[in-house]
Each structure stands twice: as C-alpha cells, then as structure tokens.
Amino acid sequence: MDKDHIRCSAALFSTVGSPTPLRLPMQGLTPWRTTGTSHGPFGFFSTTAGDLYSLDLAARSGPVRLGQHQDKFPYVLECTDDGALLVAAGIGGISCWDRAAARCLWRRNDVGLHSGTFVPGTQRFFAALETGPILELDASSGSTLRELPNHCGSFVELDIAADGQRLAAINPFGACVVSELATGERLWSKKFPSLGITPRFSPDGRILVAPDQQRRTRVSILSAASGDWLGELTGAHAVIVGVAVTPQGAVYAWDVSGTVSVWDLASRSLLFQFHPEPST
C-alpha cells in the first residue's frame, strides 16, 4: 500500500438528495471508526480509547455514549440495518451493544476479529478471524452457532447478499471467493487488484459490484451466481479504492483523487459526482 501513496479520510454525508455535509455537534470528539444504518437515521463511531457513541442523524443531536469496548483502537464497527445492535471488535475481543438501552449485551475475549458483517435485514452476524474459519455468532449471547470454511486464508473482508444466499470474501491480495451461505460450499473465485476493496452485492443479491480486474477507472458488474462479467460502470475520475451499494440500488465508488461517483445500478447511468471537503 505504501507504494500507492494512498491516504484515507472520512466525513459524514447524507446520501438522500444532494450530498450535503451534515453539521453535527461532535462535542470535540474525534471518530476513529464509523458505521451507519441502511434503514434508519442512526450512525455510530468509536474513539481510539474504545469509547462507543451513537448519533441520531435526523435530529442532528449530540453523540450518545453507549460505553467502552474492552480494547483500544477497535477497528471493526458494524451495526444492524435498523441500528438496534452494534458490534465492536479488534484483535483482543468482541463486544455487542444495544443502542436504545445504551448498554453492552455481551463481550468475548477469547477471539478477535479482522472483519464482520450482519446479514442484511437480520441480526445474524458473521465474523472473520485473522486466521481460521468464518464464524456465525449468536447476536443475543455471542456464542458460536457454526463455523464456515474460509476459502481465502487470512485477513479476510466479508459481504453477504440481502437474500441470505451467498457470502463474498476477499483477502488483501485480491483473491475473492463467493460461497453458499447455508453450506459454505465454494461457488466461484476471481482475482482482483490488491487494493483492499471489498466487493458488494446488489440489493436483490443477483449482482456483485467489484473493482475492475485491470485496475481501470471503472466498476465491474458480475453475476453473483457464476462470476460472469455482465457489464461495467464508467465515468470515474481515477482508480477506484472503495465501493458501496445502497438498498435502493445506488452504487457509490470513491477513487484515489477523492471524488465520489454515484450510479444507478439498474440503468447503469452516472447520477452525479462530488468531492467531499472537510466540514468546518
């Protein structure tokens, strides 16, 4: 990554209507990791000390402290679609939090995570350890419900289709494997540029949105079932370094120039582009 001279920054933006920065009273707090809901007005962030906060983005009120994760620098922060649950994790442990009650539901100190994600629309949580299998954890207790084979090795990032049928995993070297979520059976694999970009499923789970295999300034559209190439999204200013897909079918991709491009996945048309600037 050092040779690519990539620098990262984060800012809060509304994805409804024009991309206007949200002016939030942050009370002097500096976010370390952030996440947000896809069906609700809630956001979350952690600090380097492990303190966890929720945000009501509709009310634009100040942060509400939920508590403190057991380790500093938690680098995994994931929430359910409605923001009811928040999972924080790092190399030393996992914790799960109830947003409404502002309390910790459970902690585990026997395993740490590299990444994890909820199945969209559910409270089913899947966790990727630094090495070893992918675990499904009980969101109410933290206990391990089952183990799935990890086809990608270590330091894996995950995405799960909204229909709950498929799981996509990718390692730092760009090796991506799509498997059946129910059985863990491997369906297909591809090699992508090793930029740490996690492919994302479409809202119906039939398409996987992924970086271009030749590292061009475009986004690839693949069949989630077979990995076959279905098309591409063009118009980005530079090499793509991250993608996201909204439940409404909008594809957001950010590139090395800092520009965010937004497409409608159904029509594959470029909707708009913007360049986030730090809010003052």
Protein backbone atom coordinates (compact mmCIF):
# COMPACT_ATOMS: atom_id res chain seq x y z
CA MET A 1 0.00 0.00 0.00
CA ASP A 2 2.88 2.37 0.72
CA LYS A 3 3.96 2.41 -2.89
CA ASP A 4 0.50 3.56 -3.97
CA HIS A 5 0.69 6.68 -1.77
CA ILE A 6 -2.96 6.27 -0.76
CA ARG A 7 -4.20 8.42 2.10
CA CYS A 8 -7.59 7.96 3.73
CA SER A 9 -10.01 10.37 5.36
CA ALA A 10 -13.64 10.19 6.48
CA ALA A 11 -16.55 12.62 6.58
CA LEU A 12 -20.28 12.28 7.34
CA PHE A 13 -22.53 12.82 4.32
CA SER A 14 -26.21 12.45 3.65
CA THR A 15 -26.96 10.01 0.82
CA VAL A 16 -30.56 11.20 0.42
CA GLY A 17 -30.87 14.06 -2.06
CA SER A 18 -27.84 16.21 -2.73
CA PRO A 19 -24.64 15.17 -0.88
CA THR A 20 -24.59 17.92 1.71
CA PRO A 21 -22.31 17.57 4.76
CA LEU A 22 -24.23 17.09 7.99
CA ARG A 23 -23.34 19.63 10.67
CA LEU A 24 -23.28 17.57 13.85
CA PRO A 25 -22.36 18.76 17.36
CA MET A 26 -19.48 16.35 17.96
CA GLN A 27 -18.56 17.82 21.37
CA GLY A 28 -14.87 17.80 20.47
CA LEU A 29 -14.80 14.03 19.87
CA THR A 30 -12.68 12.61 17.04
CA PRO A 31 -14.06 9.44 15.40
CA TRP A 32 -11.69 6.51 14.93
CA ARG A 33 -14.12 4.16 13.10
CA THR A 34 -17.64 4.91 11.82
CA THR A 35 -20.65 2.98 10.54
CA GLY A 36 -24.30 3.69 9.89
CA THR A 37 -27.70 2.17 9.24
CA SER A 38 -29.17 1.48 5.81
CA HIS A 39 -32.78 1.65 7.09
CA GLY A 40 -32.79 4.31 9.73
CA PRO A 41 -31.26 7.64 10.77
CA PHE A 42 -28.57 6.27 13.06
CA GLY A 43 -24.80 6.39 12.90
CA PHE A 44 -22.10 5.11 15.23
CA PHE A 45 -18.46 5.85 15.88
CA SER A 46 -15.66 4.72 18.14
CA THR A 47 -12.70 6.63 19.51
CA THR A 48 -9.11 5.45 19.81
CA ALA A 49 -9.75 4.79 23.51
CA GLY A 50 -12.55 2.35 22.62
CA ASP A 51 -15.46 4.61 23.62
CA LEU A 52 -18.58 3.93 21.54
CA TYR A 53 -21.17 6.54 20.56
CA SER A 54 -24.45 6.61 18.64
CA LEU A 55 -25.70 9.51 16.52
CA ASP A 56 -29.24 10.46 15.54
CA LEU A 57 -28.62 11.88 12.08
CA ALA A 58 -32.21 13.05 11.63
CA ALA A 59 -32.28 15.05 14.85
CA ARG A 60 -28.63 16.08 14.40
CA SER A 61 -28.24 15.85 18.14
CA GLY A 62 -25.03 15.31 20.03
CA PRO A 63 -23.38 11.89 20.38
CA VAL A 64 -24.81 9.48 22.97
CA ARG A 65 -22.18 7.38 24.73
CA LEU A 66 -23.01 3.67 24.78
CA GLY A 67 -19.98 2.54 26.77
CA GLN A 68 -16.43 1.38 26.19
CA HIS A 69 -15.11 -1.58 24.24
CA GLN A 70 -12.59 -3.66 26.17
CA ASP A 71 -9.65 -2.72 23.89
CA LYS A 72 -8.33 0.49 22.45
CA PHE A 73 -8.43 1.10 18.68
CA PRO A 74 -11.38 -1.19 17.81
CA TYR A 75 -11.12 -1.50 14.03
CA VAL A 76 -14.36 -3.42 13.39
CA LEU A 77 -17.61 -1.49 13.81
CA GLU A 78 -20.79 -2.98 12.34
CA CYS A 79 -24.49 -2.41 13.01
CA THR A 80 -27.81 -3.94 12.02
CA ASP A 81 -29.83 -2.24 9.26
CA ASP A 82 -32.07 -0.55 11.83
CA GLY A 83 -29.30 0.35 14.27
CA ALA A 84 -30.69 -1.79 17.09
CA LEU A 85 -27.37 -3.60 17.61
CA LEU A 86 -23.75 -2.54 17.28
CA VAL A 87 -20.75 -4.88 17.23
CA ALA A 88 -17.28 -3.57 18.02
CA ALA A 89 -14.17 -5.71 17.76
CA GLY A 90 -10.43 -5.76 17.47
CA ILE A 91 -7.60 -8.20 17.82
CA GLY A 92 -8.32 -8.77 21.52
CA GLY A 93 -12.07 -9.25 21.70
CA ILE A 94 -15.65 -8.57 20.62
CA SER A 95 -18.49 -6.65 22.24
CA CYS A 96 -22.15 -6.20 21.25
CA TRP A 97 -24.30 -3.22 22.25
CA ASP A 98 -27.98 -2.34 22.45
CA ARG A 99 -28.35 1.19 21.06
CA ALA A 100 -31.74 2.01 22.60
CA ALA A 101 -30.73 0.85 26.08
CA ALA A 102 -27.16 2.15 25.73
CA ARG A 103 -25.74 -0.98 27.30
CA CYS A 104 -23.44 -3.87 26.50
CA LEU A 105 -25.20 -7.17 25.78
CA TRP A 106 -22.10 -9.38 25.84
CA ARG A 107 -18.34 -9.50 25.48
CA ARG A 108 -15.92 -12.16 24.25
CA ASN A 109 -12.21 -12.02 24.99
CA ASP A 110 -11.25 -15.42 23.59
CA VAL A 111 -11.26 -14.35 19.93
CA GLY A 112 -10.63 -11.16 18.00
CA LEU A 113 -11.96 -10.23 14.58
CA HIS A 114 -10.43 -8.92 11.40
CA SER A 115 -13.85 -8.14 9.91
CA GLY A 116 -17.52 -8.99 10.25
CA THR A 117 -20.98 -8.16 8.95
CA PHE A 118 -24.66 -8.64 9.69
CA VAL A 119 -26.87 -10.39 7.16
CA PRO A 120 -28.97 -7.50 5.79
CA GLY A 121 -32.36 -7.21 7.45
CA THR A 122 -31.47 -9.63 10.27
CA GLN A 123 -29.45 -9.88 13.48
CA ARG A 124 -27.34 -12.75 12.13
CA PHE A 125 -23.67 -11.81 12.49
CA PHE A 126 -20.77 -13.42 10.64
CA ALA A 127 -17.20 -12.87 11.78
CA ALA A 128 -13.87 -13.38 10.05
CA LEU A 129 -10.98 -14.09 12.40
CA GLU A 130 -7.44 -13.15 11.41
CA THR A 131 -6.94 -16.81 10.55
CA GLY A 132 -9.21 -19.84 10.65
CA PRO A 133 -12.89 -20.32 9.85
CA ILE A 134 -15.67 -17.78 9.42
CA LEU A 135 -17.99 -17.85 12.44
CA GLU A 136 -21.70 -17.21 12.79
CA LEU A 137 -22.28 -15.69 16.23
CA ASP A 138 -25.50 -15.51 18.25
CA ALA A 139 -26.21 -11.78 18.47
CA SER A 140 -28.03 -12.19 21.79
CA SER A 141 -25.25 -14.08 23.61
CA GLY A 142 -22.10 -14.02 21.46
CA SER A 143 -21.86 -17.80 21.38
CA THR A 144 -20.63 -19.50 18.22
CA LEU A 145 -23.52 -21.06 16.30
CA ARG A 146 -21.49 -22.62 13.48
CA GLU A 147 -18.26 -22.44 11.50
CA LEU A 148 -17.90 -21.96 7.75
CA PRO A 149 -14.78 -22.77 5.73
CA ASN A 150 -12.56 -19.79 4.96
CA HIS A 151 -11.60 -20.17 1.31
CA CYS A 152 -9.42 -17.05 1.21
CA GLY A 153 -6.88 -17.58 4.00
CA SER A 154 -6.13 -14.80 6.49
CA PHE A 155 -7.23 -11.16 6.94
CA VAL A 156 -10.50 -11.60 5.06
CA GLU A 157 -13.18 -8.96 4.40
CA LEU A 158 -16.82 -10.05 4.00
CA ASP A 159 -20.09 -9.09 2.35
CA ILE A 160 -23.36 -11.05 2.47
CA ALA A 161 -26.23 -10.85 -0.01
CA ALA A 162 -29.51 -9.40 1.26
CA ASP A 163 -31.34 -12.60 0.32
CA GLY A 164 -29.03 -14.51 2.67
CA GLN A 165 -27.90 -16.95 -0.02
CA ARG A 166 -24.29 -16.01 -0.74
CA LEU A 167 -21.17 -14.75 1.01
CA ALA A 168 -18.30 -12.94 -0.70
CA ALA A 169 -14.87 -13.00 0.93
CA ILE A 170 -11.68 -11.31 -0.25
CA ASN A 171 -8.14 -11.28 1.15
CA PRO A 172 -5.51 -8.49 0.98
CA PHE A 173 -4.02 -9.99 -2.18
CA GLY A 174 -7.30 -9.66 -4.09
CA ALA A 175 -8.32 -13.32 -4.08
CA CYS A 176 -12.13 -13.32 -3.92
CA VAL A 177 -14.36 -16.36 -3.33
CA VAL A 178 -18.16 -16.41 -3.41
CA SER A 179 -19.76 -19.30 -1.50
CA GLU A 180 -23.17 -20.54 -0.41
CA LEU A 181 -24.01 -19.08 2.99
CA ALA A 182 -26.07 -22.09 4.06
CA THR A 183 -23.39 -24.70 3.36
CA GLY A 184 -20.12 -22.81 2.90
CA GLU A 185 -19.74 -24.50 -0.49
CA ARG A 186 -17.44 -22.61 -2.86
CA LEU A 187 -19.24 -21.33 -5.99
CA TRP A 188 -16.58 -19.39 -7.90
CA SER A 189 -13.46 -17.28 -7.45
CA LYS A 190 -11.66 -14.37 -9.14
CA LYS A 191 -8.50 -12.34 -8.64
CA PHE A 192 -8.85 -8.57 -8.20
CA PRO A 193 -6.22 -5.85 -7.69
CA SER A 194 -4.86 -5.98 -4.13
CA LEU A 195 -6.24 -2.60 -3.03
CA GLY A 196 -8.30 -3.87 -0.10
CA ILE A 197 -11.62 -3.25 -1.88
CA THR A 198 -14.49 -5.43 -0.70
CA PRO A 199 -16.95 -6.41 -3.49
CA ARG A 200 -20.59 -5.64 -2.68
CA PHE A 201 -23.84 -7.41 -3.52
CA SER A 202 -26.78 -5.68 -5.19
CA PRO A 203 -29.99 -5.28 -3.13
CA ASP A 204 -31.53 -8.40 -4.74
CA GLY A 205 -28.34 -10.45 -4.32
CA ARG A 206 -28.06 -11.27 -8.03
CA ILE A 207 -25.13 -8.96 -8.85
CA LEU A 208 -21.70 -8.47 -7.29
CA VAL A 209 -20.22 -4.99 -7.73
CA ALA A 210 -16.42 -5.20 -7.78
CA PRO A 211 -13.27 -3.29 -8.76
CA ASP A 212 -12.01 -3.57 -12.31
CA GLN A 213 -9.63 -6.51 -12.72
CA GLN A 214 -7.21 -4.38 -14.79
CA ARG A 215 -7.37 -1.54 -12.24
CA ARG A 216 -9.01 0.82 -14.71
CA THR A 217 -11.24 3.76 -13.73
CA ARG A 218 -14.47 1.76 -13.71
CA VAL A 219 -16.56 -0.63 -11.63
CA SER A 220 -17.29 -4.19 -12.79
CA ILE A 221 -20.73 -5.81 -12.63
CA LEU A 222 -20.58 -9.59 -12.13
CA SER A 223 -23.12 -12.37 -11.80
CA ALA A 224 -23.28 -13.33 -8.13
CA ALA A 225 -24.16 -16.90 -9.09
CA SER A 226 -21.34 -17.55 -11.58
CA GLY A 227 -18.90 -14.64 -11.55
CA ASP A 228 -19.57 -13.96 -15.24
CA TRP A 229 -18.96 -10.40 -16.40
CA LEU A 230 -22.26 -8.56 -17.01
CA GLY A 231 -21.11 -5.01 -17.64
CA GLU A 232 -19.41 -2.01 -16.07
CA LEU A 233 -19.99 1.43 -14.61
CA THR A 234 -17.85 4.13 -16.21
CA GLY A 235 -17.11 7.79 -15.62
CA ALA A 236 -14.92 7.71 -12.51
CA HIS A 237 -12.04 10.17 -12.42
CA ALA A 238 -9.32 7.81 -11.17
CA VAL A 239 -8.63 4.29 -9.89
CA ILE A 240 -11.42 3.06 -7.61
CA VAL A 241 -10.42 2.34 -4.00
CA GLY A 242 -13.81 1.57 -2.44
CA VAL A 243 -17.41 0.72 -3.32
CA ALA A 244 -20.78 0.63 -1.54
CA VAL A 245 -24.30 -0.25 -2.68
CA THR A 246 -27.42 1.23 -1.07
CA PRO A 247 -30.67 -0.73 -0.56
CA GLN A 248 -32.20 1.48 -3.27
CA GLY A 249 -29.64 0.29 -5.83
CA ALA A 250 -27.29 3.28 -5.96
CA VAL A 251 -23.59 2.42 -6.32
CA TYR A 252 -21.14 4.74 -4.58
CA ALA A 253 -17.47 4.44 -5.55
CA TRP A 254 -14.61 6.61 -4.32
CA ASP A 255 -11.30 6.93 -6.13
CA VAL A 256 -7.72 7.96 -5.40
CA SER A 257 -8.48 11.58 -6.38
CA GLY A 258 -11.05 11.79 -3.56
CA THR A 259 -14.00 12.00 -5.96
CA VAL A 260 -17.15 10.00 -5.19
CA SER A 261 -19.10 8.76 -8.23
CA VAL A 262 -22.71 7.60 -7.91
CA TRP A 263 -24.50 5.36 -10.42
CA ASP A 264 -27.98 3.86 -10.70
CA LEU A 265 -27.27 0.13 -10.88
CA ALA A 266 -30.44 -0.75 -12.81
CA SER A 267 -29.81 1.69 -15.68
CA ARG A 268 -26.01 1.82 -15.16
CA SER A 269 -26.18 5.61 -15.62
CA LEU A 270 -23.91 8.03 -13.77
CA LEU A 271 -26.12 10.13 -11.47
CA PHE A 272 -23.65 12.62 -10.02
CA GLN A 273 -20.14 13.08 -8.66
CA PHE A 274 -18.85 15.08 -5.73
CA HIS A 275 -15.62 15.70 -3.87
CA PRO A 276 -16.07 15.73 -0.09
CA GLU A 277 -14.35 18.58 1.66
CA PRO A 278 -13.71 18.62 5.41
CA SER A 279 -16.53 20.44 7.22
CA THR A 280 -15.56 23.38 9.38
